[in-house]
Amino acid sequence: MSRTLRKLDQILSDRGSKYAVSGCAVSNRAEIDAALKSLKRDKSYAKATHNTWGVQLSQGGPLKADDGESGAGMVILRMLEREGLQDHLVVVTRWYGGKHLGGDRFRHVQTCVRSYLDAVSDA
């Protein structure tokens, strides 16, 4: 099943790191994998340092992946839980800029997810 992946490029940048957020409706792991594969067909996303994601599946529960950005998948899951958004994959992409961001990286993940949720609710 083909799902349209919505991309919001360049949400923010901090100390050289750049962030973007993407997402689409999904209903199972195969659709998640297909959406991630579709995202990574874009060379800039394939070369990103981290493509962290989370989804609350109505049939299967929560799934997440940190992709090396430890704890970021849980941040996405918590926000989706609070919103009550199910069966919707949200991917936060980070291109590392050479400087560690410490705890700020979690705020940036939240900012990206909020931008995505606002865009989806406006659509």
PDB file of N, CA and C in Angstrom:
ATOM      1  N   MET A   1       0.844  -1.180   0.000  1.00  0.00           N
ATOM      2  CA  MET A   1       0.000   0.000   0.000  1.00  0.00           C
ATOM      3  C   MET A   1       0.891   1.245   0.000  1.00  0.00           C
ATOM      4  N   SER A   2       0.644   2.146  -0.893  1.00  0.00           N
ATOM      5  CA  SER A   2       1.461   3.344  -1.020  1.00  0.00           C
ATOM      6  C   SER A   2       0.933   4.462  -0.121  1.00  0.00           C
ATOM      7  N   ARG A   3       1.784   4.961   0.730  1.00  0.00           N
ATOM      8  CA  ARG A   3       1.435   6.064   1.629  1.00  0.00           C
ATOM      9  C   ARG A   3       2.259   7.282   1.238  1.00  0.00           C
ATOM     10  N   THR A   4       1.643   8.444   1.291  1.00  0.00           N
ATOM     11  CA  THR A   4       2.364   9.663   0.974  1.00  0.00           C
ATOM     12  C   THR A   4       3.125  10.123   2.212  1.00  0.00           C
ATOM     13  N   LEU A   5       4.420  10.257   2.052  1.00  0.00           N
ATOM     14  CA  LEU A   5       5.283  10.699   3.137  1.00  0.00           C
ATOM     15  C   LEU A   5       5.348  12.217   3.109  1.00  0.00           C
ATOM     16  N   ARG A   6       4.966  12.832   4.212  1.00  0.00           N
ATOM     17  CA  ARG A   6       5.013  14.288   4.325  1.00  0.00           C
ATOM     18  C   ARG A   6       6.343  14.674   4.962  1.00  0.00           C
ATOM     19  N   LYS A   7       7.111  15.556   4.302  1.00  0.00           N
ATOM     20  CA  LYS A   7       8.403  15.989   4.821  1.00  0.00           C
ATOM     21  C   LYS A   7       8.366  17.475   5.134  1.00  0.00           C
ATOM     22  N   LEU A   8       8.843  17.815   6.324  1.00  0.00           N
ATOM     23  CA  LEU A   8       9.032  19.213   6.691  1.00  0.00           C
ATOM     24  C   LEU A   8      10.540  19.399   6.883  1.00  0.00           C
ATOM     25  N   ASP A   9      11.191  19.986   5.881  1.00  0.00           N
ATOM     26  CA  ASP A   9      12.644  20.137   5.900  1.00  0.00           C
ATOM     27  C   ASP A   9      13.064  21.316   6.764  1.00  0.00           C
ATOM     28  N   GLN A  10      14.267  21.231   7.286  1.00  0.00           N
ATOM     29  CA  GLN A  10      14.909  22.330   7.998  1.00  0.00           C
ATOM     30  C   GLN A  10      14.011  22.991   9.045  1.00  0.00           C
ATOM     31  N   ILE A  11      13.558  22.202  10.007  1.00  0.00           N
ATOM     32  CA  ILE A  11      12.747  22.732  11.092  1.00  0.00           C
ATOM     33  C   ILE A  11      13.587  23.668  11.955  1.00  0.00           C
ATOM     34  N   LEU A  12      14.796  23.238  12.280  1.00  0.00           N
ATOM     35  CA  LEU A  12      15.679  24.088  13.076  1.00  0.00           C
ATOM     36  C   LEU A  12      17.118  23.660  12.907  1.00  0.00           C
ATOM     37  N   SER A  13      18.029  24.539  13.317  1.00  0.00           N
ATOM     38  CA  SER A  13      19.442  24.175  13.352  1.00  0.00           C
ATOM     39  C   SER A  13      20.049  24.743  14.632  1.00  0.00           C
ATOM     40  N   ASP A  14      21.028  24.019  15.151  1.00  0.00           N
ATOM     41  CA  ASP A  14      21.681  24.414  16.395  1.00  0.00           C
ATOM     42  C   ASP A  14      23.118  23.902  16.362  1.00  0.00           C
ATOM     43  N   ARG A  15      24.063  24.802  16.491  1.00  0.00           N
ATOM     44  CA  ARG A  15      25.478  24.455  16.534  1.00  0.00           C
ATOM     45  C   ARG A  15      25.887  23.538  15.382  1.00  0.00           C
ATOM     46  N   GLY A  16      25.349  23.821  14.216  1.00  0.00           N
ATOM     47  CA  GLY A  16      25.706  23.057  13.030  1.00  0.00           C
ATOM     48  C   GLY A  16      24.801  21.874  12.728  1.00  0.00           C
ATOM     49  N   SER A  17      24.109  21.348  13.748  1.00  0.00           N
ATOM     50  CA  SER A  17      23.171  20.248  13.504  1.00  0.00           C
ATOM     51  C   SER A  17      21.892  20.799  12.889  1.00  0.00           C
ATOM     52  N   LYS A  18      21.350  20.045  11.943  1.00  0.00           N
ATOM     53  CA  LYS A  18      20.091  20.437  11.296  1.00  0.00           C
ATOM     54  C   LYS A  18      19.059  19.349  11.535  1.00  0.00           C
ATOM     55  N   TYR A  19      17.815  19.768  11.693  1.00  0.00           N
ATOM     56  CA  TYR A  19      16.723  18.848  11.982  1.00  0.00           C
ATOM     57  C   TYR A  19      15.605  18.995  10.961  1.00  0.00           C
ATOM     58  N   ALA A  20      14.972  17.866  10.654  1.00  0.00           N
ATOM     59  CA  ALA A  20      13.787  17.828   9.809  1.00  0.00           C
ATOM     60  C   ALA A  20      12.848  16.783  10.414  1.00  0.00           C
ATOM     61  N   VAL A  21      11.594  16.807   9.980  1.00  0.00           N
ATOM     62  CA  VAL A  21      10.624  15.824  10.466  1.00  0.00           C
ATOM     63  C   VAL A  21       9.766  15.364   9.295  1.00  0.00           C
ATOM     64  N   SER A  22       9.394  14.096   9.330  1.00  0.00           N
ATOM     65  CA  SER A  22       8.581  13.495   8.273  1.00  0.00           C
ATOM     66  C   SER A  22       7.586  12.544   8.917  1.00  0.00           C
ATOM     67  N   GLY A  23       6.593  12.132   8.147  1.00  0.00           N
ATOM     68  CA  GLY A  23       5.663  11.147   8.677  1.00  0.00           C
ATOM     69  C   GLY A  23       4.587  10.774   7.682  1.00  0.00           C
ATOM     70  N   CYS A  24       3.843   9.742   8.048  1.00  0.00           N
ATOM     71  CA  CYS A  24       2.715   9.302   7.235  1.00  0.00           C
ATOM     72  C   CYS A  24       1.887   8.292   8.030  1.00  0.00           C
ATOM     73  N   ALA A  25       0.698   8.040   7.536  1.00  0.00           N
ATOM     74  CA  ALA A  25      -0.170   7.034   8.147  1.00  0.00           C
ATOM     75  C   ALA A  25       0.382   5.640   7.848  1.00  0.00           C
ATOM     76  N   VAL A  26       0.381   4.777   8.856  1.00  0.00           N
ATOM     77  CA  VAL A  26       0.813   3.387   8.709  1.00  0.00           C
ATOM     78  C   VAL A  26      -0.090   2.512   9.569  1.00  0.00           C
ATOM     79  N   SER A  27      -0.150   1.227   9.256  1.00  0.00           N
ATOM     80  CA  SER A  27      -0.966   0.345  10.089  1.00  0.00           C
ATOM     81  C   SER A  27      -0.231  -0.917  10.533  1.00  0.00           C
ATOM     82  N   ASN A  28       1.014  -1.107  10.033  1.00  0.00           N
ATOM     83  CA  ASN A  28       1.780  -2.294  10.441  1.00  0.00           C
ATOM     84  C   ASN A  28       3.272  -2.074  10.191  1.00  0.00           C
ATOM     85  N   ARG A  29       4.069  -3.029  10.646  1.00  0.00           N
ATOM     86  CA  ARG A  29       5.524  -2.897  10.540  1.00  0.00           C
ATOM     87  C   ARG A  29       5.998  -2.832   9.087  1.00  0.00           C
ATOM     88  N   ALA A  30       5.351  -3.572   8.205  1.00  0.00           N
ATOM     89  CA  ALA A  30       5.744  -3.550   6.792  1.00  0.00           C
ATOM     90  C   ALA A  30       5.579  -2.149   6.204  1.00  0.00           C
ATOM     91  N   GLU A  31       4.513  -1.462   6.579  1.00  0.00           N
ATOM     92  CA  GLU A  31       4.290  -0.097   6.081  1.00  0.00           C
ATOM     93  C   GLU A  31       5.296   0.877   6.696  1.00  0.00           C
ATOM     94  N   ILE A  32       5.688   0.649   7.944  1.00  0.00           N
ATOM     95  CA  ILE A  32       6.726   1.473   8.575  1.00  0.00           C
ATOM     96  C   ILE A  32       8.024   1.323   7.794  1.00  0.00           C
ATOM     97  N   ASP A  33       8.414   0.070   7.543  1.00  0.00           N
ATOM     98  CA  ASP A  33       9.654  -0.201   6.812  1.00  0.00           C
ATOM     99  C   ASP A  33       9.622   0.408   5.415  1.00  0.00           C
ATOM    100  N   ALA A  34       8.478   0.325   4.750  1.00  0.00           N
ATOM    101  CA  ALA A  34       8.338   0.899   3.402  1.00  0.00           C
ATOM    102  C   ALA A  34       8.468   2.422   3.449  1.00  0.00           C
ATOM    103  N   ALA A  35       7.882   3.056   4.465  1.00  0.00           N
ATOM    104  CA  ALA A  35       7.963   4.511   4.598  1.00  0.00           C
ATOM    105  C   ALA A  35       9.402   4.950   4.868  1.00  0.00           C
ATOM    106  N   LEU A  36      10.102   4.214   5.741  1.00  0.00           N
ATOM    107  CA  LEU A  36      11.500   4.542   6.028  1.00  0.00           C
ATOM    108  C   LEU A  36      12.374   4.367   4.791  1.00  0.00           C
ATOM    109  N   LYS A  37      12.102   3.319   4.027  1.00  0.00           N
ATOM    110  CA  LYS A  37      12.844   3.075   2.788  1.00  0.00           C
ATOM    111  C   LYS A  37      12.591   4.210   1.794  1.00  0.00           C
ATOM    112  N   SER A  38      11.338   4.640   1.705  1.00  0.00           N
ATOM    113  CA  SER A  38      10.977   5.738   0.813  1.00  0.00           C
ATOM    114  C   SER A  38      11.703   7.025   1.229  1.00  0.00           C
ATOM    115  N   LEU A  39      11.735   7.309   2.528  1.00  0.00           N
ATOM    116  CA  LEU A  39      12.409   8.501   3.026  1.00  0.00           C
ATOM    117  C   LEU A  39      13.895   8.472   2.654  1.00  0.00           C
ATOM    118  N   LYS A  40      14.512   7.311   2.804  1.00  0.00           N
ATOM    119  CA  LYS A  40      15.952   7.197   2.567  1.00  0.00           C
ATOM    120  C   LYS A  40      16.307   7.129   1.090  1.00  0.00           C
ATOM    121  N   ARG A  41      15.309   7.101   0.214  1.00  0.00           N
ATOM    122  CA  ARG A  41      15.590   7.216  -1.223  1.00  0.00           C
ATOM    123  C   ARG A  41      16.104   8.617  -1.540  1.00  0.00           C
ATOM    124  N   ASP A  42      15.721   9.576  -0.704  1.00  0.00           N
ATOM    125  CA  ASP A  42      16.258  10.936  -0.805  1.00  0.00           C
ATOM    126  C   ASP A  42      17.673  10.881  -0.223  1.00  0.00           C
ATOM    127  N   LYS A  43      18.673  11.161  -1.051  1.00  0.00           N
ATOM    128  CA  LYS A  43      20.066  10.988  -0.630  1.00  0.00           C
ATOM    129  C   LYS A  43      20.409  11.752   0.642  1.00  0.00           C
ATOM    130  N   SER A  44      19.854  12.952   0.807  1.00  0.00           N
ATOM    131  CA  SER A  44      20.204  13.723   2.001  1.00  0.00           C
ATOM    132  C   SER A  44      19.697  13.029   3.268  1.00  0.00           C
ATOM    133  N   TYR A  45      18.535  12.385   3.188  1.00  0.00           N
ATOM    134  CA  TYR A  45      18.012  11.656   4.348  1.00  0.00           C
ATOM    135  C   TYR A  45      18.783  10.351   4.567  1.00  0.00           C
ATOM    136  N   ALA A  46      19.196   9.721   3.484  1.00  0.00           N
ATOM    137  CA  ALA A  46      19.992   8.493   3.601  1.00  0.00           C
ATOM    138  C   ALA A  46      21.329   8.783   4.273  1.00  0.00           C
ATOM    139  N   LYS A  47      21.877   9.983   4.043  1.00  0.00           N
ATOM    140  CA  LYS A  47      23.171  10.357   4.614  1.00  0.00           C
ATOM    141  C   LYS A  47      23.044  11.011   5.989  1.00  0.00           C
ATOM    142  N   ALA A  48      21.835  11.186   6.494  1.00  0.00           N
ATOM    143  CA  ALA A  48      21.637  11.817   7.803  1.00  0.00           C
ATOM    144  C   ALA A  48      22.283  10.971   8.901  1.00  0.00           C
ATOM    145  N   THR A  49      22.680  11.629   9.966  1.00  0.00           N
ATOM    146  CA  THR A  49      23.297  10.931  11.087  1.00  0.00           C
ATOM    147  C   THR A  49      22.280  10.064  11.817  1.00  0.00           C
ATOM    148  N   HIS A  50      21.064  10.592  12.005  1.00  0.00           N
ATOM    149  CA  HIS A  50      20.016   9.865  12.729  1.00  0.00           C
ATOM    150  C   HIS A  50      18.668  10.052  12.042  1.00  0.00           C
ATOM    151  N   ASN A  51      17.941   8.964  11.868  1.00  0.00           N
ATOM    152  CA  ASN A  51      16.533   8.985  11.469  1.00  0.00           C
ATOM    153  C   ASN A  51      15.783   8.249  12.581  1.00  0.00           C
ATOM    154  N   THR A  52      15.398   9.004  13.596  1.00  0.00           N
ATOM    155  CA  THR A  52      14.743   8.454  14.777  1.00  0.00           C
ATOM    156  C   THR A  52      13.238   8.455  14.537  1.00  0.00           C
ATOM    157  N   TRP A  53      12.550   7.398  14.976  1.00  0.00           N
ATOM    158  CA  TRP A  53      11.109   7.355  14.703  1.00  0.00           C
ATOM    159  C   TRP A  53      10.330   6.704  15.830  1.00  0.00           C
ATOM    160  N   GLY A  54       9.019   6.988  15.794  1.00  0.00           N
ATOM    161  CA  GLY A  54       8.098   6.366  16.734  1.00  0.00           C
ATOM    162  C   GLY A  54       6.715   6.284  16.109  1.00  0.00           C
ATOM    163  N   VAL A  55       5.927   5.303  16.571  1.00  0.00           N
ATOM    164  CA  VAL A  55       4.557   5.122  16.089  1.00  0.00           C
ATOM    165  C   VAL A  55       3.771   4.360  17.150  1.00  0.00           C
ATOM    166  N   GLN A  56       2.508   4.713  17.314  1.00  0.00           N
ATOM    167  CA  GLN A  56       1.576   3.989  18.183  1.00  0.00           C
ATOM    168  C   GLN A  56       0.624   3.228  17.266  1.00  0.00           C
ATOM    169  N   LEU A  57       0.841   1.937  17.108  1.00  0.00           N
ATOM    170  CA  LEU A  57      -0.044   1.145  16.247  1.00  0.00           C
ATOM    171  C   LEU A  57      -1.251   0.678  17.051  1.00  0.00           C
ATOM    172  N   SER A  58      -2.438   0.860  16.481  1.00  0.00           N
ATOM    173  CA  SER A  58      -3.645   0.401  17.185  1.00  0.00           C
ATOM    174  C   SER A  58      -3.651  -1.121  17.290  1.00  0.00           C
ATOM    175  N   GLN A  59      -3.065  -1.791  16.311  1.00  0.00           N
ATOM    176  CA  GLN A  59      -2.898  -3.246  16.345  1.00  0.00           C
ATOM    177  C   GLN A  59      -1.411  -3.536  16.455  1.00  0.00           C
ATOM    178  N   GLY A  60      -0.882  -3.577  17.655  1.00  0.00           N
ATOM    179  CA  GLY A  60       0.541  -3.883  17.807  1.00  0.00           C
ATOM    180  C   GLY A  60       1.262  -3.001  18.803  1.00  0.00           C
ATOM    181  N   GLY A  61       0.624  -1.926  19.241  1.00  0.00           N
ATOM    182  CA  GLY A  61       1.216  -1.094  20.276  1.00  0.00           C
ATOM    183  C   GLY A  61       2.318  -0.176  19.791  1.00  0.00           C
ATOM    184  N   PRO A  62       3.119   0.337  20.740  1.00  0.00           N
ATOM    185  CA  PRO A  62       4.153   1.308  20.395  1.00  0.00           C
ATOM    186  C   PRO A  62       5.398   0.651  19.814  1.00  0.00           C
ATOM    187  N   LEU A  63       5.960   1.295  18.799  1.00  0.00           N
ATOM    188  CA  LEU A  63       7.234   0.885  18.214  1.00  0.00           C
ATOM    189  C   LEU A  63       8.086   2.137  18.072  1.00  0.00           C
ATOM    190  N   LYS A  64       9.409   1.971  18.241  1.00  0.00           N
ATOM    191  CA  LYS A  64      10.305   3.114  18.105  1.00  0.00           C
ATOM    192  C   LYS A  64      11.689   2.639  17.729  1.00  0.00           C
ATOM    193  N   ALA A  65      12.498   3.563  17.219  1.00  0.00           N
ATOM    194  CA  ALA A  65      13.911   3.299  16.960  1.00  0.00           C
ATOM    195  C   ALA A  65      14.676   4.591  17.176  1.00  0.00           C
ATOM    196  N   ASP A  66      15.777   4.494  17.927  1.00  0.00           N
ATOM    197  CA  ASP A  66      16.592   5.672  18.225  1.00  0.00           C
ATOM    198  C   ASP A  66      17.623   5.975  17.137  1.00  0.00           C
ATOM    199  N   ASP A  67      17.995   4.980  16.349  1.00  0.00           N
ATOM    200  CA  ASP A  67      18.987   5.152  15.285  1.00  0.00           C
ATOM    201  C   ASP A  67      20.230   5.897  15.786  1.00  0.00           C
ATOM    202  N   GLY A  68      20.706   5.506  16.965  1.00  0.00           N
ATOM    203  CA  GLY A  68      21.922   6.098  17.514  1.00  0.00           C
ATOM    204  C   GLY A  68      21.710   7.347  18.342  1.00  0.00           C
ATOM    205  N   GLU A  69      20.513   7.912  18.323  1.00  0.00           N
ATOM    206  CA  GLU A  69      20.175   9.122  19.102  1.00  0.00           C
ATOM    207  C   GLU A  69      19.442   8.651  20.346  1.00  0.00           C
ATOM    208  N   SER A  70      20.189   8.107  21.292  1.00  0.00           N
ATOM    209  CA  SER A  70      19.642   7.428  22.463  1.00  0.00           C
ATOM    210  C   SER A  70      18.543   8.219  23.171  1.00  0.00           C
ATOM    211  N   GLY A  71      17.369   7.578  23.312  1.00  0.00           N
ATOM    212  CA  GLY A  71      16.240   8.175  24.015  1.00  0.00           C
ATOM    213  C   GLY A  71      15.288   8.985  23.155  1.00  0.00           C
ATOM    214  N   ALA A  72      15.681   9.304  21.934  1.00  0.00           N
ATOM    215  CA  ALA A  72      14.853  10.168  21.085  1.00  0.00           C
ATOM    216  C   ALA A  72      13.558   9.481  20.647  1.00  0.00           C
ATOM    217  N   GLY A  73      13.606   8.168  20.388  1.00  0.00           N
ATOM    218  CA  GLY A  73      12.393   7.447  19.987  1.00  0.00           C
ATOM    219  C   GLY A  73      11.328   7.514  21.066  1.00  0.00           C
ATOM    220  N   MET A  74      11.743   7.445  22.338  1.00  0.00           N
ATOM    221  CA  MET A  74      10.789   7.519  23.445  1.00  0.00           C
ATOM    222  C   MET A  74      10.165   8.911  23.539  1.00  0.00           C
ATOM    223  N   VAL A  75      10.924   9.943  23.240  1.00  0.00           N
ATOM    224  CA  VAL A  75      10.382  11.308  23.231  1.00  0.00           C
ATOM    225  C   VAL A  75       9.262  11.401  22.198  1.00  0.00           C
ATOM    226  N   ILE A  76       9.497  10.843  21.022  1.00  0.00           N
ATOM    227  CA  ILE A  76       8.482  10.856  19.954  1.00  0.00           C
ATOM    228  C   ILE A  76       7.252  10.078  20.408  1.00  0.00           C
ATOM    229  N   LEU A  77       7.469   8.876  20.964  1.00  0.00           N
ATOM    230  CA  LEU A  77       6.341   8.052  21.424  1.00  0.00           C
ATOM    231  C   LEU A  77       5.489   8.766  22.467  1.00  0.00           C
ATOM    232  N   ARG A  78       6.136   9.393  23.436  1.00  0.00           N
ATOM    233  CA  ARG A  78       5.385  10.098  24.485  1.00  0.00           C
ATOM    234  C   ARG A  78       4.520  11.203  23.903  1.00  0.00           C
ATOM    235  N   MET A  79       5.054  11.937  22.938  1.00  0.00           N
ATOM    236  CA  MET A  79       4.281  13.019  22.329  1.00  0.00           C
ATOM    237  C   MET A  79       3.097  12.473  21.533  1.00  0.00           C
ATOM    238  N   LEU A  80       3.308  11.372  20.813  1.00  0.00           N
ATOM    239  CA  LEU A  80       2.206  10.762  20.056  1.00  0.00           C
ATOM    240  C   LEU A  80       1.133  10.247  21.006  1.00  0.00           C
ATOM    241  N   GLU A  81       1.574   9.679  22.132  1.00  0.00           N
ATOM    242  CA  GLU A  81       0.647   9.190  23.153  1.00  0.00           C
ATOM    243  C   GLU A  81      -0.218  10.326  23.696  1.00  0.00           C
ATOM    244  N   ARG A  82       0.446  11.429  24.055  1.00  0.00           N
ATOM    245  CA  ARG A  82      -0.285  12.595  24.595  1.00  0.00           C
ATOM    246  C   ARG A  82      -1.296  13.145  23.595  1.00  0.00           C
ATOM    247  N   GLU A  83      -0.920  13.125  22.318  1.00  0.00           N
ATOM    248  CA  GLU A  83      -1.816  13.626  21.264  1.00  0.00           C
ATOM    249  C   GLU A  83      -2.940  12.645  20.951  1.00  0.00           C
ATOM    250  N   GLY A  84      -2.737  11.382  21.332  1.00  0.00           N
ATOM    251  CA  GLY A  84      -3.699  10.351  20.975  1.00  0.00           C
ATOM    252  C   GLY A  84      -3.630   9.978  19.503  1.00  0.00           C
ATOM    253  N   LEU A  85      -2.478  10.228  18.882  1.00  0.00           N
ATOM    254  CA  LEU A  85      -2.315   9.949  17.451  1.00  0.00           C
ATOM    255  C   LEU A  85      -1.823   8.514  17.265  1.00  0.00           C
ATOM    256  N   GLN A  86      -2.674   7.691  16.663  1.00  0.00           N
ATOM    257  CA  GLN A  86      -2.327   6.297  16.413  1.00  0.00           C
ATOM    258  C   GLN A  86      -2.179   6.057  14.924  1.00  0.00           C
ATOM    259  N   ASP A  87      -1.436   4.996  14.611  1.00  0.00           N
ATOM    260  CA  ASP A  87      -1.244   4.562  13.225  1.00  0.00           C
ATOM    261  C   ASP A  87      -0.668   5.676  12.358  1.00  0.00           C
ATOM    262  N   HIS A  88       0.287   6.410  12.932  1.00  0.00           N
ATOM    263  CA  HIS A  88       0.950   7.492  12.208  1.00  0.00           C
ATOM    264  C   HIS A  88       2.428   7.514  12.601  1.00  0.00           C
ATOM    265  N   LEU A  89       3.276   7.251  11.631  1.00  0.00           N
ATOM    266  CA  LEU A  89       4.720   7.237  11.831  1.00  0.00           C
ATOM    267  C   LEU A  89       5.256   8.661  11.815  1.00  0.00           C
ATOM    268  N   VAL A  90       6.109   8.998  12.790  1.00  0.00           N
ATOM    269  CA  VAL A  90       6.790  10.291  12.811  1.00  0.00           C
ATOM    270  C   VAL A  90       8.289  10.019  12.895  1.00  0.00           C
ATOM    271  N   VAL A  91       9.038  10.605  11.951  1.00  0.00           N
ATOM    272  CA  VAL A  91      10.485  10.419  11.864  1.00  0.00           C
ATOM    273  C   VAL A  91      11.164  11.775  12.042  1.00  0.00           C
ATOM    274  N   VAL A  92      12.059  11.872  13.029  1.00  0.00           N
ATOM    275  CA  VAL A  92      12.856  13.086  13.215  1.00  0.00           C
ATOM    276  C   VAL A  92      14.260  12.787  12.696  1.00  0.00           C
ATOM    277  N   THR A  93      14.707  13.595  11.757  1.00  0.00           N
ATOM    278  CA  THR A  93      16.004  13.404  11.117  1.00  0.00           C
ATOM    279  C   THR A  93      16.973  14.471  11.618  1.00  0.00           C
ATOM    280  N   ARG A  94      18.194  14.024  11.949  1.00  0.00           N
ATOM    281  CA  ARG A  94      19.235  14.961  12.379  1.00  0.00           C
ATOM    282  C   ARG A  94      20.489  14.728  11.561  1.00  0.00           C
ATOM    283  N   TRP A  95      21.021  15.836  11.060  1.00  0.00           N
ATOM    284  CA  TRP A  95      22.330  15.835  10.431  1.00  0.00           C
ATOM    285  C   TRP A  95      23.277  16.453  11.453  1.00  0.00           C
ATOM    286  N   TYR A  96      24.192  15.656  11.963  1.00  0.00           N
ATOM    287  CA  TYR A  96      25.097  16.088  13.027  1.00  0.00           C
ATOM    288  C   TYR A  96      26.030  17.186  12.533  1.00  0.00           C
ATOM    289  N   GLY A  97      26.181  18.230  13.346  1.00  0.00           N
ATOM    290  CA  GLY A  97      26.973  19.389  12.944  1.00  0.00           C
ATOM    291  C   GLY A  97      28.335  19.494  13.575  1.00  0.00           C
ATOM    292  N   GLY A  98      28.766  18.459  14.326  1.00  0.00           N
ATOM    293  CA  GLY A  98      30.109  18.484  14.871  1.00  0.00           C
ATOM    294  C   GLY A  98      30.204  18.860  16.339  1.00  0.00           C
ATOM    295  N   LYS A  99      29.112  19.368  16.921  1.00  0.00           N
ATOM    296  CA  LYS A  99      29.131  19.728  18.337  1.00  0.00           C
ATOM    297  C   LYS A  99      28.031  18.975  19.068  1.00  0.00           C
ATOM    298  N   HIS A 100      28.373  18.432  20.233  1.00  0.00           N
ATOM    299  CA  HIS A 100      27.374  17.733  21.038  1.00  0.00           C
ATOM    300  C   HIS A 100      26.366  18.725  21.590  1.00  0.00           C
ATOM    301  N   LEU A 101      25.088  18.350  21.565  1.00  0.00           N
ATOM    302  CA  LEU A 101      24.021  19.236  22.014  1.00  0.00           C
ATOM    303  C   LEU A 101      23.516  18.900  23.411  1.00  0.00           C
ATOM    304  N   GLY A 102      23.974  17.793  23.971  1.00  0.00           N
ATOM    305  CA  GLY A 102      23.518  17.411  25.306  1.00  0.00           C
ATOM    306  C   GLY A 102      22.004  17.258  25.341  1.00  0.00           C
ATOM    307  N   GLY A 103      21.395  17.710  26.420  1.00  0.00           N
ATOM    308  CA  GLY A 103      19.945  17.596  26.595  1.00  0.00           C
ATOM    309  C   GLY A 103      19.138  18.428  25.610  1.00  0.00           C
ATOM    310  N   ASP A 104      19.769  19.413  24.976  1.00  0.00           N
ATOM    311  CA  ASP A 104      19.048  20.239  24.001  1.00  0.00           C
ATOM    312  C   ASP A 104      18.504  19.408  22.848  1.00  0.00           C
ATOM    313  N   ARG A 105      19.170  18.283  22.566  1.00  0.00           N
ATOM    314  CA  ARG A 105      18.709  17.459  21.440  1.00  0.00           C
ATOM    315  C   ARG A 105      17.297  16.947  21.677  1.00  0.00           C
ATOM    316  N   PHE A 106      16.920  16.699  22.942  1.00  0.00           N
ATOM    317  CA  PHE A 106      15.559  16.236  23.229  1.00  0.00           C
ATOM    318  C   PHE A 106      14.544  17.359  23.002  1.00  0.00           C
ATOM    319  N   ARG A 107      14.915  18.567  23.361  1.00  0.00           N
ATOM    320  CA  ARG A 107      14.031  19.716  23.081  1.00  0.00           C
ATOM    321  C   ARG A 107      13.847  19.882  21.578  1.00  0.00           C
ATOM    322  N   HIS A 108      14.917  19.661  20.828  1.00  0.00           N
ATOM    323  CA  HIS A 108      14.838  19.796  19.372  1.00  0.00           C
ATOM    324  C   HIS A 108      13.942  18.716  18.769  1.00  0.00           C
ATOM    325  N   VAL A 109      14.030  17.501  19.292  1.00  0.00           N
ATOM    326  CA  VAL A 109      13.141  16.430  18.836  1.00  0.00           C
ATOM    327  C   VAL A 109      11.694  16.836  19.122  1.00  0.00           C
ATOM    328  N   GLN A 110      11.433  17.364  20.306  1.00  0.00           N
ATOM    329  CA  GLN A 110      10.075  17.807  20.663  1.00  0.00           C
ATOM    330  C   GLN A 110       9.599  18.915  19.727  1.00  0.00           C
ATOM    331  N   THR A 111      10.470  19.872  19.428  1.00  0.00           N
ATOM    332  CA  THR A 111      10.114  20.966  18.516  1.00  0.00           C
ATOM    333  C   THR A 111       9.734  20.417  17.143  1.00  0.00           C
ATOM    334  N   CYS A 112      10.504  19.457  16.657  1.00  0.00           N
ATOM    335  CA  CYS A 112      10.218  18.860  15.346  1.00  0.00           C
ATOM    336  C   CYS A 112       8.878  18.132  15.350  1.00  0.00           C
ATOM    337  N   VAL A 113       8.644  17.312  16.376  1.00  0.00           N
ATOM    338  CA  VAL A 113       7.387  16.559  16.455  1.00  0.00           C
ATOM    339  C   VAL A 113       6.214  17.526  16.561  1.00  0.00           C
ATOM    340  N   ARG A 114       6.339  18.578  17.361  1.00  0.00           N
ATOM    341  CA  ARG A 114       5.269  19.579  17.508  1.00  0.00           C
ATOM    342  C   ARG A 114       4.985  20.232  16.158  1.00  0.00           C
ATOM    343  N   SER A 115       6.031  20.590  15.409  1.00  0.00           N
ATOM    344  CA  SER A 115       5.848  21.184  14.075  1.00  0.00           C
ATOM    345  C   SER A 115       5.081  20.243  13.167  1.00  0.00           C
ATOM    346  N   TYR A 116       5.422  18.965  13.234  1.00  0.00           N
ATOM    347  CA  TYR A 116       4.742  17.981  12.397  1.00  0.00           C
ATOM    348  C   TYR A 116       3.278  17.837  12.810  1.00  0.00           C
ATOM    349  N   LEU A 117       3.029  17.706  14.118  1.00  0.00           N
ATOM    350  CA  LEU A 117       1.662  17.550  14.589  1.00  0.00           C
ATOM    351  C   LEU A 117       0.804  18.756  14.238  1.00  0.00           C
ATOM    352  N   ASP A 118       1.389  19.946  14.333  1.00  0.00           N
ATOM    353  CA  ASP A 118       0.658  21.164  13.947  1.00  0.00           C
ATOM    354  C   ASP A 118       0.348  21.159  12.452  1.00  0.00           C
ATOM    355  N   ALA A 119       1.301  20.736  11.639  1.00  0.00           N
ATOM    356  CA  ALA A 119       1.077  20.689  10.184  1.00  0.00           C
ATOM    357  C   ALA A 119      -0.002  19.676   9.819  1.00  0.00           C
ATOM    358  N   VAL A 120      -0.008  18.540  10.504  1.00  0.00           N
ATOM    359  CA  VAL A 120      -1.000  17.505  10.230  1.00  0.00           C
ATOM    360  C   VAL A 120      -2.389  17.973  10.654  1.00  0.00           C
ATOM    361  N   SER A 121      -2.467  18.660  11.778  1.00  0.00           N
ATOM    362  CA  SER A 121      -3.785  19.100  12.254  1.00  0.00           C
ATOM    363  C   SER A 121      -4.335  20.241  11.392  1.00  0.00           C
ATOM    364  N   ASP A 122      -3.439  20.999  10.728  1.00  0.00           N
ATOM    365  CA  ASP A 122      -3.874  22.084   9.855  1.00  0.00           C
ATOM    366  C   ASP A 122      -4.297  21.582   8.476  1.00  0.00           C
ATOM    367  N   ALA A 123      -3.871  20.365   8.141  1.00  0.00           N
ATOM    368  CA  ALA A 123      -4.151  19.827   6.804  1.00  0.00           C
ATOM    369  C   ALA A 123      -5.594  19.407   6.647  1.00  0.00           C
TER     370      ALA A 123
END
